[in-house]
Amino acid sequence: MIQSYVIRGIGVRGPSALRTVCGLAGVFAVGLSSSLALAGGDVWLYEENGALKTGIIEEFPALDRTAGVRVFHADLGVDVDNAIDEPGLRILADIPGVSNLNPNGLLGFTMNRALRLWDGSDFDTISLNRMNIGFEALTATTPLSDVATNGFNVTLDPDGDLHDHYDFAVDASTRVAGIWLLDLTFHFTGLTSSEPVWILFSQAASDADVEAAEAWAGANIPTPGSLALLGLGGLVATRRRR
């Protein structure tokens, strides 16, 4: 079982609570004790030993970050039903002790399987609703079945920094209740792809159900190397929103 704990915070674009379950042996905090809750954050992408890794990074004020985070949670429907633009994605340049990513590289992602729906005990059920992921003119939609599907790519700023917030939306005509699991792998030019990353999205769900889903995800996310990872593919965004 992956050791985990929950981080709760406030998103940068509104009052949405972001809970993050932190896992993997060897999780460490940078500038913040792992026993303390971060004040809200984005997915932090960084390089380690030639591989792309993920963690959580606090948006304000000090960019505190925790490495090794692979399970995230955000609340849908805070401002718009079925949608949220959290968590964001963040790459930092010029961090002492952390290798910088190539400013000319591309950041992309793969949707590893169909969107899952929490049934009270696990995420084995494929959701009847799909999830749309958008950034400026780029869009991607989760597959109907468990077929790995490429998303889209974005460029970094000239200095190697990146701060993007994609729009995540469950494809439904009216507000729907549930807890969904989006299974992603991130890619970056020249690096081994990230381990699977799970983002849980909840709407009109009880705290007890959310906590149970978080605990299940933290205990069941695949171990390193257990899932085939695909390369970069799809379109490229070159404009910057943040």
Protein backbone atom coordinates (compact mmCIF):
# COMPACT_ATOMS: atom_id res chain seq x y z
CA MET A 1 0.00 0.00 0.00
CA ILE A 2 1.26 3.47 -0.85
CA GLN A 3 1.58 5.65 2.21
CA SER A 4 -0.57 8.73 1.79
CA TYR A 5 -1.91 11.80 3.46
CA VAL A 6 -4.41 14.47 2.49
CA ILE A 7 -3.62 18.08 1.68
CA ARG A 8 -6.46 20.58 1.52
CA GLY A 9 -6.25 24.09 0.14
CA ILE A 10 -7.74 26.92 -1.89
CA GLY A 11 -7.35 27.16 -5.65
CA VAL A 12 -5.99 30.30 -7.26
CA ARG A 13 -9.08 31.08 -9.32
CA GLY A 14 -11.78 30.77 -6.69
CA PRO A 15 -12.78 28.99 -3.50
CA SER A 16 -12.48 25.46 -4.84
CA ALA A 17 -10.92 23.10 -2.31
CA LEU A 18 -8.06 21.02 -3.63
CA ARG A 19 -7.35 17.83 -1.70
CA THR A 20 -4.20 15.99 -2.58
CA VAL A 21 -3.26 12.50 -1.52
CA CYS A 22 0.52 12.21 -1.43
CA GLY A 23 2.07 8.86 -2.08
CA LEU A 24 5.16 6.82 -2.96
CA ALA A 25 7.96 5.88 -0.67
CA GLY A 26 10.54 8.60 -0.39
CA VAL A 27 8.13 11.52 -0.55
CA PHE A 28 9.97 14.61 0.66
CA ALA A 29 9.06 18.23 1.29
CA VAL A 30 10.97 21.17 -0.14
CA GLY A 31 10.75 24.23 2.07
CA LEU A 32 7.89 22.74 4.09
CA SER A 33 7.51 19.90 6.55
CA SER A 34 5.48 17.00 5.12
CA SER A 35 3.46 16.97 8.33
CA LEU A 36 1.95 20.34 7.47
CA ALA A 37 -0.86 21.09 5.02
CA LEU A 38 -0.04 23.17 1.98
CA ALA A 39 -2.20 26.22 1.31
CA GLY A 40 -3.39 25.01 -2.07
CA GLY A 41 -1.48 24.02 -5.11
CA ASP A 42 -0.90 22.83 -8.63
CA VAL A 43 0.69 19.76 -10.13
CA TRP A 44 4.42 20.38 -10.04
CA LEU A 45 6.36 18.73 -12.89
CA TYR A 46 10.11 18.29 -12.54
CA GLU A 47 13.00 16.09 -13.68
CA GLU A 48 14.70 13.45 -11.57
CA ASN A 49 17.33 11.05 -12.92
CA GLY A 50 16.16 11.51 -16.49
CA ALA A 51 12.48 10.96 -15.70
CA LEU A 52 9.51 13.32 -15.44
CA LYS A 53 8.11 13.40 -11.90
CA THR A 54 5.08 15.03 -10.28
CA GLY A 55 4.48 16.74 -6.97
CA ILE A 56 2.36 19.51 -5.50
CA ILE A 57 3.40 23.16 -5.52
CA GLU A 58 1.80 25.94 -3.52
CA GLU A 59 0.73 28.82 -5.74
CA PHE A 60 1.19 31.60 -3.20
CA PRO A 61 3.23 32.99 -1.62
CA ALA A 62 6.41 30.92 -1.39
CA LEU A 63 6.04 28.17 -4.01
CA ASP A 64 6.47 25.51 -1.33
CA ARG A 65 6.43 22.10 -2.92
CA THR A 66 6.29 18.41 -2.08
CA ALA A 67 7.73 15.80 -4.41
CA GLY A 68 6.28 12.39 -5.26
CA VAL A 69 2.58 13.33 -5.31
CA ARG A 70 0.55 11.30 -7.79
CA VAL A 71 -3.08 11.51 -6.60
CA PHE A 72 -4.96 14.82 -6.63
CA HIS A 73 -8.52 15.92 -5.96
CA ALA A 74 -10.54 18.96 -7.03
CA ASP A 75 -14.20 19.94 -6.65
CA LEU A 76 -16.27 20.43 -9.78
CA GLY A 77 -19.11 22.92 -10.00
CA VAL A 78 -17.75 25.65 -7.74
CA ASP A 79 -18.38 28.36 -10.33
CA VAL A 80 -19.75 26.38 -13.29
CA ASP A 81 -21.63 23.09 -13.05
CA ASN A 82 -19.58 20.02 -13.94
CA ALA A 83 -16.37 22.00 -14.52
CA ILE A 84 -13.23 23.33 -12.84
CA ASP A 85 -9.80 24.59 -13.93
CA GLU A 86 -7.92 22.98 -11.05
CA PRO A 87 -5.40 21.58 -10.47
CA GLY A 88 -3.08 23.63 -12.64
CA LEU A 89 0.26 22.53 -14.07
CA ARG A 90 3.52 24.17 -13.05
CA ILE A 91 7.12 23.92 -14.18
CA LEU A 92 9.73 26.13 -12.52
CA ALA A 93 13.03 27.29 -13.94
CA ASP A 94 16.22 27.95 -11.98
CA ILE A 95 15.47 25.94 -8.83
CA PRO A 96 18.64 25.11 -6.86
CA GLY A 97 19.11 21.35 -6.66
CA VAL A 98 16.45 20.59 -9.30
CA SER A 99 17.35 20.02 -12.95
CA ASN A 100 15.75 22.52 -15.30
CA LEU A 101 13.60 21.21 -18.14
CA ASN A 102 14.57 22.09 -21.70
CA PRO A 103 12.82 25.38 -22.58
CA ASN A 104 12.39 24.07 -26.13
CA GLY A 105 10.70 20.87 -25.00
CA LEU A 106 7.01 19.97 -25.17
CA LEU A 107 4.79 18.95 -22.28
CA GLY A 108 2.06 16.50 -23.22
CA PHE A 109 -0.20 13.90 -21.66
CA THR A 110 -1.90 10.61 -22.38
CA MET A 111 -5.32 9.62 -21.06
CA ASN A 112 -4.54 6.07 -20.02
CA ARG A 113 -8.11 4.76 -20.03
CA ALA A 114 -11.77 5.75 -19.88
CA LEU A 115 -13.04 8.08 -17.16
CA ARG A 116 -13.97 6.07 -14.06
CA LEU A 117 -16.84 6.56 -11.61
CA TRP A 118 -16.69 5.80 -7.89
CA ASP A 119 -19.26 3.13 -6.97
CA GLY A 120 -18.75 3.29 -3.23
CA SER A 121 -15.94 0.76 -3.10
CA ASP A 122 -13.68 1.28 -6.15
CA PHE A 123 -13.32 2.94 -9.57
CA ASP A 124 -13.88 -0.17 -11.69
CA THR A 125 -16.99 1.35 -13.31
CA ILE A 126 -16.57 3.27 -16.57
CA SER A 127 -18.47 6.54 -16.34
CA LEU A 128 -21.42 7.10 -18.65
CA ASN A 129 -20.10 10.66 -18.95
CA ARG A 130 -16.80 11.52 -20.59
CA MET A 131 -14.45 14.32 -19.52
CA ASN A 132 -13.37 17.14 -21.80
CA ILE A 133 -9.96 18.72 -21.21
CA GLY A 134 -9.35 22.10 -22.81
CA PHE A 135 -6.66 24.74 -23.03
CA GLU A 136 -7.17 27.72 -25.33
CA ALA A 137 -7.96 26.18 -28.76
CA LEU A 138 -6.81 22.68 -27.78
CA THR A 139 -9.19 19.96 -26.60
CA ALA A 140 -9.07 16.30 -25.65
CA THR A 141 -11.82 13.93 -24.53
CA THR A 142 -11.44 10.76 -22.50
CA PRO A 143 -11.92 7.57 -24.52
CA LEU A 144 -15.07 5.48 -24.33
CA SER A 145 -13.08 2.35 -23.48
CA ASP A 146 -9.75 1.55 -21.89
CA VAL A 147 -7.61 2.54 -24.85
CA ALA A 148 -4.70 4.88 -24.15
CA THR A 149 -5.41 8.13 -25.99
CA ASN A 150 -3.02 11.03 -26.59
CA GLY A 151 -4.07 14.47 -25.41
CA PHE A 152 -2.28 17.62 -26.58
CA ASN A 153 1.10 19.30 -26.11
CA VAL A 154 2.06 22.75 -24.88
CA THR A 155 5.26 24.74 -25.07
CA LEU A 156 7.13 26.33 -22.18
CA ASP A 157 7.99 29.97 -21.71
CA PRO A 158 11.38 31.00 -23.16
CA ASP A 159 12.98 30.72 -19.72
CA GLY A 160 11.64 27.20 -19.17
CA ASP A 161 8.79 28.17 -16.84
CA LEU A 162 5.18 27.05 -17.24
CA HIS A 163 1.95 27.84 -15.37
CA ASP A 164 -1.18 26.57 -17.10
CA HIS A 165 -4.68 25.78 -15.89
CA TYR A 166 -6.57 23.40 -18.14
CA ASP A 167 -10.36 23.31 -18.09
CA PHE A 168 -11.77 19.97 -16.90
CA ALA A 169 -15.47 19.35 -17.57
CA VAL A 170 -17.71 16.32 -17.24
CA ASP A 171 -19.76 16.04 -20.43
CA ALA A 172 -23.31 16.41 -19.07
CA SER A 173 -26.20 18.71 -19.94
CA THR A 174 -27.22 19.15 -16.29
CA ARG A 175 -25.40 19.08 -12.97
CA VAL A 176 -24.46 15.50 -12.11
CA ALA A 177 -23.35 14.02 -8.81
CA GLY A 178 -20.39 11.72 -8.45
CA ILE A 179 -16.69 11.19 -7.98
CA TRP A 180 -14.64 10.58 -11.13
CA LEU A 181 -11.08 9.40 -11.68
CA LEU A 182 -9.02 10.75 -14.55
CA ASP A 183 -5.96 8.58 -15.25
CA LEU A 184 -3.11 10.49 -16.93
CA THR A 185 0.53 10.08 -17.85
CA PHE A 186 2.60 13.21 -18.51
CA HIS A 187 5.39 13.35 -21.11
CA PHE A 188 8.22 15.76 -21.75
CA THR A 189 10.71 15.84 -24.59
CA GLY A 190 13.83 13.83 -23.83
CA LEU A 191 12.61 12.44 -20.49
CA THR A 192 11.10 9.15 -19.44
CA SER A 193 7.35 9.68 -19.03
CA SER A 194 5.84 10.18 -15.60
CA GLU A 195 4.31 7.43 -13.55
CA PRO A 196 0.48 7.34 -13.73
CA VAL A 197 -1.19 10.35 -12.14
CA TRP A 198 -4.78 10.17 -10.89
CA ILE A 199 -6.96 13.25 -10.53
CA LEU A 200 -10.20 12.76 -8.63
CA PHE A 201 -13.05 15.18 -9.41
CA SER A 202 -16.10 15.28 -7.15
CA GLN A 203 -19.43 17.06 -7.33
CA ALA A 204 -22.35 16.89 -4.89
CA ALA A 205 -20.59 14.07 -3.03
CA SER A 206 -20.42 13.62 0.73
CA ASP A 207 -17.18 14.17 2.61
CA ALA A 208 -17.26 10.52 3.66
CA ASP A 209 -17.49 9.34 0.05
CA VAL A 210 -14.71 11.68 -1.05
CA GLU A 211 -12.44 10.53 1.78
CA ALA A 212 -13.14 6.88 0.95
CA ALA A 213 -12.36 7.48 -2.73
CA GLU A 214 -9.15 9.33 -1.85
CA ALA A 215 -8.04 6.52 0.44
CA TRP A 216 -8.76 3.90 -2.23
CA ALA A 217 -6.85 5.87 -4.85
CA GLY A 218 -3.85 6.35 -2.59
CA ALA A 219 -3.74 2.62 -1.92
CA ASN A 220 -4.32 1.43 -5.48
CA ILE A 221 -2.50 3.76 -7.88
CA PRO A 222 -0.15 1.59 -9.98
CA THR A 223 3.40 1.15 -8.81
CA PRO A 224 6.23 2.47 -11.01
CA GLY A 225 6.67 0.57 -14.25
CA SER A 226 3.39 -1.33 -14.04
CA LEU A 227 1.68 0.62 -16.85
CA ALA A 228 2.88 1.03 -20.41
CA LEU A 229 3.73 4.67 -21.05
CA LEU A 230 3.26 6.29 -24.45
CA GLY A 231 5.23 9.05 -26.16
CA LEU A 232 4.26 12.55 -27.14
CA GLY A 233 1.50 13.03 -29.67
CA GLY A 234 -1.21 15.40 -30.82
CA LEU A 235 -1.32 19.14 -31.34
CA VAL A 236 0.78 21.82 -29.70
CA ALA A 237 -0.22 25.00 -27.87
CA THR A 238 2.26 27.84 -28.16
CA ARG A 239 0.31 30.62 -26.47
CA ARG A 240 0.47 31.18 -22.75
CA ARG A 241 -2.47 31.83 -20.47
CA ARG A 242 -0.61 32.29 -17.18
